PDB file of all heavy atoms in Angstrom:
ATOM      1  N   GLY A   1      94.316  91.687 112.096  1.00  0.00           N
ATOM      2  CA  GLY A   1      94.466  91.988 110.696  1.00  0.00           C
ATOM      3  C   GLY A   1      95.028  93.493 110.483  1.00  0.00           C
ATOM      4  O   GLY A   1      95.967  93.791 111.202  1.00  0.00           O
ATOM      5  N   SER A   2      94.391  94.117 109.615  1.00  0.00           N
ATOM      6  CA  SER A   2      94.981  95.500 109.354  1.00  0.00           C
ATOM      7  C   SER A   2      94.956  96.442 110.567  1.00  0.00           C
ATOM      8  O   SER A   2      95.577  97.561 110.565  1.00  0.00           O
ATOM      9  CB  SER A   2      94.233  96.168 108.203  1.00  0.00           C
ATOM     10  OG  SER A   2      92.878  96.467 108.528  1.00  0.00           O
ATOM     11  N   LEU A   3      94.085  96.161 111.572  1.00  0.00           N
ATOM     12  CA  LEU A   3      94.038  96.942 112.769  1.00  0.00           C
ATOM     13  C   LEU A   3      95.266  96.865 113.593  1.00  0.00           C
ATOM     14  O   LEU A   3      95.525  97.555 114.534  1.00  0.00           O
ATOM     15  CB  LEU A   3      92.838  96.489 113.660  1.00  0.00           C
ATOM     16  CG  LEU A   3      91.459  96.718 112.947  1.00  0.00           C
ATOM     17  CD1 LEU A   3      90.344  96.336 113.988  1.00  0.00           C
ATOM     18  CD2 LEU A   3      91.145  98.026 112.415  1.00  0.00           C
ATOM     19  N   GLY A   4      96.260  95.892 113.173  1.00  0.00           N
ATOM     20  CA  GLY A   4      97.582  95.808 113.743  1.00  0.00           C
ATOM     21  C   GLY A   4      98.224  97.155 113.539  1.00  0.00           C
ATOM     22  O   GLY A   4      99.277  97.411 114.332  1.00  0.00           O
ATOM     23  N   ALA A   5      97.820  97.966 112.718  1.00  0.00           N
ATOM     24  CA  ALA A   5      98.458  99.360 112.510  1.00  0.00           C
ATOM     25  C   ALA A   5      98.487 100.110 113.794  1.00  0.00           C
ATOM     26  O   ALA A   5      99.451 100.903 114.059  1.00  0.00           O
ATOM     27  CB  ALA A   5      97.815 100.124 111.430  1.00  0.00           C
ATOM     28  N   VAL A   6      97.419  99.947 114.641  1.00  0.00           N
ATOM     29  CA  VAL A   6      97.381 100.758 115.911  1.00  0.00           C
ATOM     30  C   VAL A   6      98.521 100.377 116.749  1.00  0.00           C
ATOM     31  O   VAL A   6      98.902 101.320 117.569  1.00  0.00           O
ATOM     32  CB  VAL A   6      96.033 100.546 116.590  1.00  0.00           C
ATOM     33  CG1 VAL A   6      94.838 100.851 115.687  1.00  0.00           C
ATOM     34  CG2 VAL A   6      95.930  99.116 117.216  1.00  0.00           C
ATOM     35  N   GLN A   7      99.030  99.193 116.739  1.00  0.00           N
ATOM     36  CA  GLN A   7     100.092  98.771 117.601  1.00  0.00           C
ATOM     37  C   GLN A   7     101.397  99.622 117.297  1.00  0.00           C
ATOM     38  O   GLN A   7     102.237  99.788 118.167  1.00  0.00           O
ATOM     39  CB  GLN A   7     100.413  97.352 117.443  1.00  0.00           C
ATOM     40  CG  GLN A   7      99.172  96.484 118.050  1.00  0.00           C
ATOM     41  CD  GLN A   7      99.380  95.006 117.704  1.00  0.00           C
ATOM     42  OE1 GLN A   7     100.104  94.626 116.844  1.00  0.00           O
ATOM     43  NE2 GLN A   7      98.696  94.230 118.498  1.00  0.00           N
ATOM     44  N   VAL A   8     101.496 100.069 116.033  1.00  0.00           N
ATOM     45  CA  VAL A   8     102.684 100.833 115.705  1.00  0.00           C
ATOM     46  C   VAL A   8     102.590 102.178 116.446  1.00  0.00           C
ATOM     47  O   VAL A   8     103.675 102.729 117.005  1.00  0.00           O
ATOM     48  CB  VAL A   8     102.795 101.057 114.206  1.00  0.00           C
ATOM     49  CG1 VAL A   8     103.970 101.904 113.749  1.00  0.00           C
ATOM     50  CG2 VAL A   8     102.823  99.683 113.449  1.00  0.00           C
ATOM     51  N   GLY A   9     101.511 102.817 116.434  1.00  0.00           N
ATOM     52  CA  GLY A   9     101.328 104.085 117.188  1.00  0.00           C
ATOM     53  C   GLY A   9     101.491 103.852 118.611  1.00  0.00           C
ATOM     54  O   GLY A   9     102.164 104.758 119.288  1.00  0.00           O
ATOM     55  N   MET A  10     100.963 102.810 119.147  1.00  0.00           N
ATOM     56  CA  MET A  10     101.124 102.523 120.600  1.00  0.00           C
ATOM     57  C   MET A  10     102.648 102.407 120.947  1.00  0.00           C
ATOM     58  O   MET A  10     103.183 102.920 121.893  1.00  0.00           O
ATOM     59  CB  MET A  10     100.440 101.245 120.967  1.00  0.00           C
ATOM     60  CG  MET A  10      98.956 101.317 120.990  1.00  0.00           C
ATOM     61  SD  MET A  10      98.133  99.738 121.154  1.00  0.00           S
ATOM     62  CE  MET A  10      96.438 100.129 121.251  1.00  0.00           C
ATOM     63  N   LEU A  11     103.371 101.584 120.064  1.00  0.00           N
ATOM     64  CA  LEU A  11     104.756 101.460 120.230  1.00  0.00           C
ATOM     65  C   LEU A  11     105.588 102.724 120.274  1.00  0.00           C
ATOM     66  O   LEU A  11     106.490 102.992 121.068  1.00  0.00           O
ATOM     67  CB  LEU A  11     105.315 100.518 119.159  1.00  0.00           C
ATOM     68  CG  LEU A  11     105.210  98.981 119.410  1.00  0.00           C
ATOM     69  CD1 LEU A  11     105.738  98.231 118.205  1.00  0.00           C
ATOM     70  CD2 LEU A  11     105.987  98.555 120.635  1.00  0.00           C
ATOM     71  N   GLN A  12     105.211 103.665 119.334  1.00  0.00           N
ATOM     72  CA  GLN A  12     105.858 104.960 119.230  1.00  0.00           C
ATOM     73  C   GLN A  12     105.813 105.642 120.514  1.00  0.00           C
ATOM     74  O   GLN A  12     106.761 106.193 120.999  1.00  0.00           O
ATOM     75  CB  GLN A  12     105.284 105.713 118.119  1.00  0.00           C
ATOM     76  CG  GLN A  12     105.694 105.196 116.699  1.00  0.00           C
ATOM     77  CD  GLN A  12     104.929 105.966 115.608  1.00  0.00           C
ATOM     78  OE1 GLN A  12     103.932 106.609 115.779  1.00  0.00           O
ATOM     79  NE2 GLN A  12     105.579 106.025 114.409  1.00  0.00           N
ATOM     80  N   ALA A  13     104.586 105.680 121.063  1.00  0.00           N
ATOM     81  CA  ALA A  13     104.372 106.466 122.344  1.00  0.00           C
ATOM     82  C   ALA A  13     105.116 105.797 123.437  1.00  0.00           C
ATOM     83  O   ALA A  13     105.691 106.503 124.339  1.00  0.00           O
ATOM     84  CB  ALA A  13     102.933 106.601 122.609  1.00  0.00           C
ATOM     85  N   LEU A  14     105.001 104.516 123.589  1.00  0.00           N
ATOM     86  CA  LEU A  14     105.647 103.759 124.654  1.00  0.00           C
ATOM     87  C   LEU A  14     107.117 103.867 124.657  1.00  0.00           C
ATOM     88  O   LEU A  14     107.732 104.145 125.737  1.00  0.00           O
ATOM     89  CB  LEU A  14     105.201 102.280 124.632  1.00  0.00           C
ATOM     90  CG  LEU A  14     103.744 101.952 125.045  1.00  0.00           C
ATOM     91  CD1 LEU A  14     103.404 100.608 124.568  1.00  0.00           C
ATOM     92  CD2 LEU A  14     103.579 102.107 126.515  1.00  0.00           C
ATOM     93  N   VAL A  15     107.731 103.666 123.549  1.00  0.00           N
ATOM     94  CA  VAL A  15     109.227 103.657 123.433  1.00  0.00           C
ATOM     95  C   VAL A  15     109.769 105.086 123.626  1.00  0.00           C
ATOM     96  O   VAL A  15     110.731 105.385 124.259  1.00  0.00           O
ATOM     97  CB  VAL A  15     109.675 103.193 122.089  1.00  0.00           C
ATOM     98  CG1 VAL A  15     111.223 103.236 121.948  1.00  0.00           C
ATOM     99  CG2 VAL A  15     109.225 101.628 121.973  1.00  0.00           C
ATOM    100  N   GLU A  16     108.928 106.161 123.129  1.00  0.00           N
ATOM    101  CA  GLU A  16     109.368 107.538 123.332  1.00  0.00           C
ATOM    102  C   GLU A  16     109.327 107.858 124.875  1.00  0.00           C
ATOM    103  O   GLU A  16     110.192 108.571 125.343  1.00  0.00           O
ATOM    104  CB  GLU A  16     108.366 108.483 122.720  1.00  0.00           C
ATOM    105  CG  GLU A  16     108.649 108.757 121.237  1.00  0.00           C
ATOM    106  CD  GLU A  16     107.767 109.732 120.565  1.00  0.00           C
ATOM    107  OE1 GLU A  16     106.931 110.387 121.467  1.00  0.00           O
ATOM    108  OE2 GLU A  16     107.787 110.012 119.441  1.00  0.00           O
ATOM    109  N   TYR A  17     108.471 107.208 125.578  1.00  0.00           N
ATOM    110  CA  TYR A  17     108.403 107.491 126.982  1.00  0.00           C
ATOM    111  C   TYR A  17     109.468 106.781 127.843  1.00  0.00           C
ATOM    112  O   TYR A  17     109.688 107.009 129.014  1.00  0.00           O
ATOM    113  CB  TYR A  17     106.906 107.035 127.495  1.00  0.00           C
ATOM    114  CG  TYR A  17     106.640 107.506 128.924  1.00  0.00           C
ATOM    115  CD1 TYR A  17     106.391 108.802 129.297  1.00  0.00           C
ATOM    116  CD2 TYR A  17     106.580 106.536 129.959  1.00  0.00           C
ATOM    117  CE1 TYR A  17     106.088 109.242 130.556  1.00  0.00           C
ATOM    118  CE2 TYR A  17     106.263 106.956 131.217  1.00  0.00           C
ATOM    119  CZ  TYR A  17     106.018 108.289 131.487  1.00  0.00           C
ATOM    120  OH  TYR A  17     105.787 108.710 132.838  1.00  0.00           O
ATOM    121  N   GLY A  18     110.087 105.791 127.192  1.00  0.00           N
ATOM    122  CA  GLY A  18     111.170 105.059 127.805  1.00  0.00           C
ATOM    123  C   GLY A  18     110.800 103.619 128.253  1.00  0.00           C
ATOM    124  O   GLY A  18     111.514 103.072 129.021  1.00  0.00           O
ATOM    125  N   VAL A  19     109.578 103.098 127.888  1.00  0.00           N
ATOM    126  CA  VAL A  19     109.271 101.897 128.306  1.00  0.00           C
ATOM    127  C   VAL A  19     110.013 100.844 127.483  1.00  0.00           C
ATOM    128  O   VAL A  19     110.054 100.909 126.190  1.00  0.00           O
ATOM    129  CB  VAL A  19     107.722 101.590 128.135  1.00  0.00           C
ATOM    130  CG1 VAL A  19     107.305 100.187 128.612  1.00  0.00           C
ATOM    131  CG2 VAL A  19     106.892 102.690 128.881  1.00  0.00           C
ATOM    132  N   ALA A  20     110.593  99.887 128.142  1.00  0.00           N
ATOM    133  CA  ALA A  20     111.481  98.866 127.383  1.00  0.00           C
ATOM    134  C   ALA A  20     110.875  97.432 127.684  1.00  0.00           C
ATOM    135  O   ALA A  20     110.202  97.223 128.736  1.00  0.00           O
ATOM    136  CB  ALA A  20     112.902  98.882 127.867  1.00  0.00           C
ATOM    137  N   ALA A  21     111.142  96.546 126.744  1.00  0.00           N
ATOM    138  CA  ALA A  21     110.618  95.151 126.874  1.00  0.00           C
ATOM    139  C   ALA A  21     111.783  94.245 127.126  1.00  0.00           C
ATOM    140  O   ALA A  21     112.809  94.376 126.524  1.00  0.00           O
ATOM    141  CB  ALA A  21     109.826  94.825 125.670  1.00  0.00           C
ATOM    142  N   ASP A  22     111.523  93.215 127.967  1.00  0.00           N
ATOM    143  CA  ASP A  22     112.539  92.170 128.178  1.00  0.00           C
ATOM    144  C   ASP A  22     112.304  90.975 127.285  1.00  0.00           C
ATOM    145  O   ASP A  22     113.126  90.109 127.052  1.00  0.00           O
ATOM    146  CB  ASP A  22     112.567  91.732 129.557  1.00  0.00           C
ATOM    147  CG  ASP A  22     112.935  92.802 130.553  1.00  0.00           C
ATOM    148  OD1 ASP A  22     114.051  93.332 130.417  1.00  0.00           O
ATOM    149  OD2 ASP A  22     112.158  93.124 131.475  1.00  0.00           O
ATOM    150  N   MET A  23     111.024  90.924 126.753  1.00  0.00           N
ATOM    151  CA  MET A  23     110.576  89.915 125.825  1.00  0.00           C
ATOM    152  C   MET A  23     109.340  90.321 125.074  1.00  0.00           C
ATOM    153  O   MET A  23     108.766  91.303 125.533  1.00  0.00           O
ATOM    154  CB  MET A  23     110.184  88.625 126.564  1.00  0.00           C
ATOM    155  CG  MET A  23     108.992  88.681 127.324  1.00  0.00           C
ATOM    156  SD  MET A  23     108.425  87.044 128.060  1.00  0.00           S
ATOM    157  CE  MET A  23     109.541  86.887 129.384  1.00  0.00           C
ATOM    158  N   VAL A  24     109.105  89.710 123.985  1.00  0.00           N
ATOM    159  CA  VAL A  24     107.908  90.014 123.142  1.00  0.00           C
ATOM    160  C   VAL A  24     107.042  88.718 122.899  1.00  0.00           C
ATOM    161  O   VAL A  24     107.748  87.651 122.699  1.00  0.00           O
ATOM    162  CB  VAL A  24     108.353  90.627 121.827  1.00  0.00           C
ATOM    163  CG1 VAL A  24     107.247  90.620 120.824  1.00  0.00           C
ATOM    164  CG2 VAL A  24     108.868  92.001 122.005  1.00  0.00           C
ATOM    165  N   VAL A  25     105.808  88.854 123.024  1.00  0.00           N
ATOM    166  CA  VAL A  25     104.881  87.780 122.770  1.00  0.00           C
ATOM    167  C   VAL A  25     103.841  88.248 121.765  1.00  0.00           C
ATOM    168  O   VAL A  25     103.204  89.259 121.969  1.00  0.00           O
ATOM    169  CB  VAL A  25     104.254  87.136 123.942  1.00  0.00           C
ATOM    170  CG1 VAL A  25     103.365  85.814 123.642  1.00  0.00           C
ATOM    171  CG2 VAL A  25     105.334  86.824 125.030  1.00  0.00           C
ATOM    172  N   GLY A  26     103.663  87.484 120.615  1.00  0.00           N
ATOM    173  CA  GLY A  26     102.650  88.007 119.635  1.00  0.00           C
ATOM    174  C   GLY A  26     101.866  86.843 119.025  1.00  0.00           C
ATOM    175  O   GLY A  26     102.332  85.721 118.919  1.00  0.00           O
ATOM    176  N   SER A  27     100.638  87.197 118.616  1.00  0.00           N
ATOM    177  CA  SER A  27      99.729  86.224 118.048  1.00  0.00           C
ATOM    178  C   SER A  27      99.101  86.910 116.756  1.00  0.00           C
ATOM    179  O   SER A  27      98.806  88.086 116.848  1.00  0.00           O
ATOM    180  CB  SER A  27      98.681  85.782 119.026  1.00  0.00           C
ATOM    181  OG  SER A  27      97.785  84.905 118.496  1.00  0.00           O
ATOM    182  N   SER A  28      98.981  86.107 115.743  1.00  0.00           N
ATOM    183  CA  SER A  28      98.291  86.557 114.561  1.00  0.00           C
ATOM    184  C   SER A  28      99.138  87.777 113.919  1.00  0.00           C
ATOM    185  O   SER A  28     100.316  87.774 113.866  1.00  0.00           O
ATOM    186  CB  SER A  28      96.759  86.863 114.742  1.00  0.00           C
ATOM    187  OG  SER A  28      96.098  86.870 113.564  1.00  0.00           O
ATOM    188  N   VAL A  29      98.407  88.890 113.631  1.00  0.00           N
ATOM    189  CA  VAL A  29      99.180  90.081 113.116  1.00  0.00           C
ATOM    190  C   VAL A  29     100.166  90.602 114.171  1.00  0.00           C
ATOM    191  O   VAL A  29     101.159  91.172 113.854  1.00  0.00           O
ATOM    192  CB  VAL A  29      98.152  91.155 112.618  1.00  0.00           C
ATOM    193  CG1 VAL A  29      97.545  91.899 113.828  1.00  0.00           C
ATOM    194  CG2 VAL A  29      98.952  92.180 111.844  1.00  0.00           C
ATOM    195  N   GLY A  30      99.729  90.327 115.443  1.00  0.00           N
ATOM    196  CA  GLY A  30     100.767  90.708 116.488  1.00  0.00           C
ATOM    197  C   GLY A  30     102.082  89.967 116.467  1.00  0.00           C
ATOM    198  O   GLY A  30     103.055  90.456 116.949  1.00  0.00           O
ATOM    199  N   SER A  31     102.007  88.817 115.759  1.00  0.00           N
ATOM    200  CA  SER A  31     103.389  88.111 115.603  1.00  0.00           C
ATOM    201  C   SER A  31     104.191  88.908 114.668  1.00  0.00           C
ATOM    202  O   SER A  31     105.494  88.904 114.783  1.00  0.00           O
ATOM    203  CB  SER A  31     103.096  86.731 115.104  1.00  0.00           C
ATOM    204  OG  SER A  31     102.699  86.645 113.719  1.00  0.00           O
ATOM    205  N   ILE A  32     103.700  89.588 113.690  1.00  0.00           N
ATOM    206  CA  ILE A  32     104.425  90.350 112.719  1.00  0.00           C
ATOM    207  C   ILE A  32     105.028  91.547 113.446  1.00  0.00           C
ATOM    208  O   ILE A  32     106.318  91.803 113.393  1.00  0.00           O
ATOM    209  CB  ILE A  32     103.600  90.822 111.513  1.00  0.00           C
ATOM    210  CG1 ILE A  32     103.028  89.622 110.754  1.00  0.00           C
ATOM    211  CG2 ILE A  32     104.388  91.767 110.583  1.00  0.00           C
ATOM    212  CD1 ILE A  32     102.069  89.965 109.592  1.00  0.00           C
ATOM    213  N   ASN A  33     104.273  92.316 114.142  1.00  0.00           N
ATOM    214  CA  ASN A  33     104.738  93.526 114.860  1.00  0.00           C
ATOM    215  C   ASN A  33     105.705  93.123 115.900  1.00  0.00           C
ATOM    216  O   ASN A  33     106.670  93.801 116.080  1.00  0.00           O
ATOM    217  CB  ASN A  33     103.493  94.313 115.347  1.00  0.00           C
ATOM    218  CG  ASN A  33     102.774  95.050 114.256  1.00  0.00           C
ATOM    219  OD1 ASN A  33     103.283  95.429 113.274  1.00  0.00           O
ATOM    220  ND2 ASN A  33     101.468  95.266 114.582  1.00  0.00           N
ATOM    221  N   GLY A  34     105.335  92.156 116.729  1.00  0.00           N
ATOM    222  CA  GLY A  34     106.182  91.739 117.766  1.00  0.00           C
ATOM    223  C   GLY A  34     107.529  91.197 117.303  1.00  0.00           C
ATOM    224  O   GLY A  34     108.568  91.505 117.855  1.00  0.00           O
ATOM    225  N   ALA A  35     107.567  90.314 116.271  1.00  0.00           N
ATOM    226  CA  ALA A  35     108.815  89.813 115.698  1.00  0.00           C
ATOM    227  C   ALA A  35     109.733  90.959 115.226  1.00  0.00           C
ATOM    228  O   ALA A  35     110.866  90.932 115.426  1.00  0.00           O
ATOM    229  CB  ALA A  35     108.532  88.815 114.607  1.00  0.00           C
ATOM    230  N   TYR A  36     109.151  91.874 114.502  1.00  0.00           N
ATOM    231  CA  TYR A  36     109.863  93.051 114.014  1.00  0.00           C
ATOM    232  C   TYR A  36     110.400  93.850 115.202  1.00  0.00           C
ATOM    233  O   TYR A  36     111.661  94.196 115.180  1.00  0.00           O
ATOM    234  CB  TYR A  36     109.025  93.949 113.112  1.00  0.00           C
ATOM    235  CG  TYR A  36     109.937  94.962 112.502  1.00  0.00           C
ATOM    236  CD1 TYR A  36     110.553  94.685 111.247  1.00  0.00           C
ATOM    237  CD2 TYR A  36     110.192  96.129 113.054  1.00  0.00           C
ATOM    238  CE1 TYR A  36     111.423  95.664 110.662  1.00  0.00           C
ATOM    239  CE2 TYR A  36     111.046  97.096 112.491  1.00  0.00           C
ATOM    240  CZ  TYR A  36     111.670  96.862 111.350  1.00  0.00           C
ATOM    241  OH  TYR A  36     112.482  97.805 110.800  1.00  0.00           O
ATOM    242  N   PHE A  37     109.619  94.152 116.205  1.00  0.00           N
ATOM    243  CA  PHE A  37     110.097  94.994 117.253  1.00  0.00           C
ATOM    244  C   PHE A  37     111.203  94.256 118.021  1.00  0.00           C
ATOM    245  O   PHE A  37     112.181  94.883 118.485  1.00  0.00           O
ATOM    246  CB  PHE A  37     108.889  95.290 118.209  1.00  0.00           C
ATOM    247  CG  PHE A  37     109.354  96.150 119.395  1.00  0.00           C
ATOM    248  CD1 PHE A  37     109.601  97.518 119.217  1.00  0.00           C
ATOM    249  CD2 PHE A  37     109.421  95.708 120.689  1.00  0.00           C
ATOM    250  CE1 PHE A  37     110.009  98.288 120.263  1.00  0.00           C
ATOM    251  CE2 PHE A  37     109.785  96.459 121.739  1.00  0.00           C
ATOM    252  CZ  PHE A  37     110.124  97.794 121.553  1.00  0.00           C
ATOM    253  N   ALA A  38     111.110  92.879 118.164  1.00  0.00           N
ATOM    254  CA  ALA A  38     112.167  92.132 118.887  1.00  0.00           C
ATOM    255  C   ALA A  38     113.463  92.269 118.282  1.00  0.00           C
ATOM    256  O   ALA A  38     114.482  92.135 118.825  1.00  0.00           O
ATOM    257  CB  ALA A  38     111.705  90.658 119.044  1.00  0.00           C
TER     258      ALA A  38
END
């Protein structure tokens, strides 16, 4: 649900550090964040 907001902060820190994804998998609100990031 709305706690999906924490994933945005996590992404900011991970991408700043240089972590890259070869694929994205998401469920429920994670599908929104995952699809956007992809």
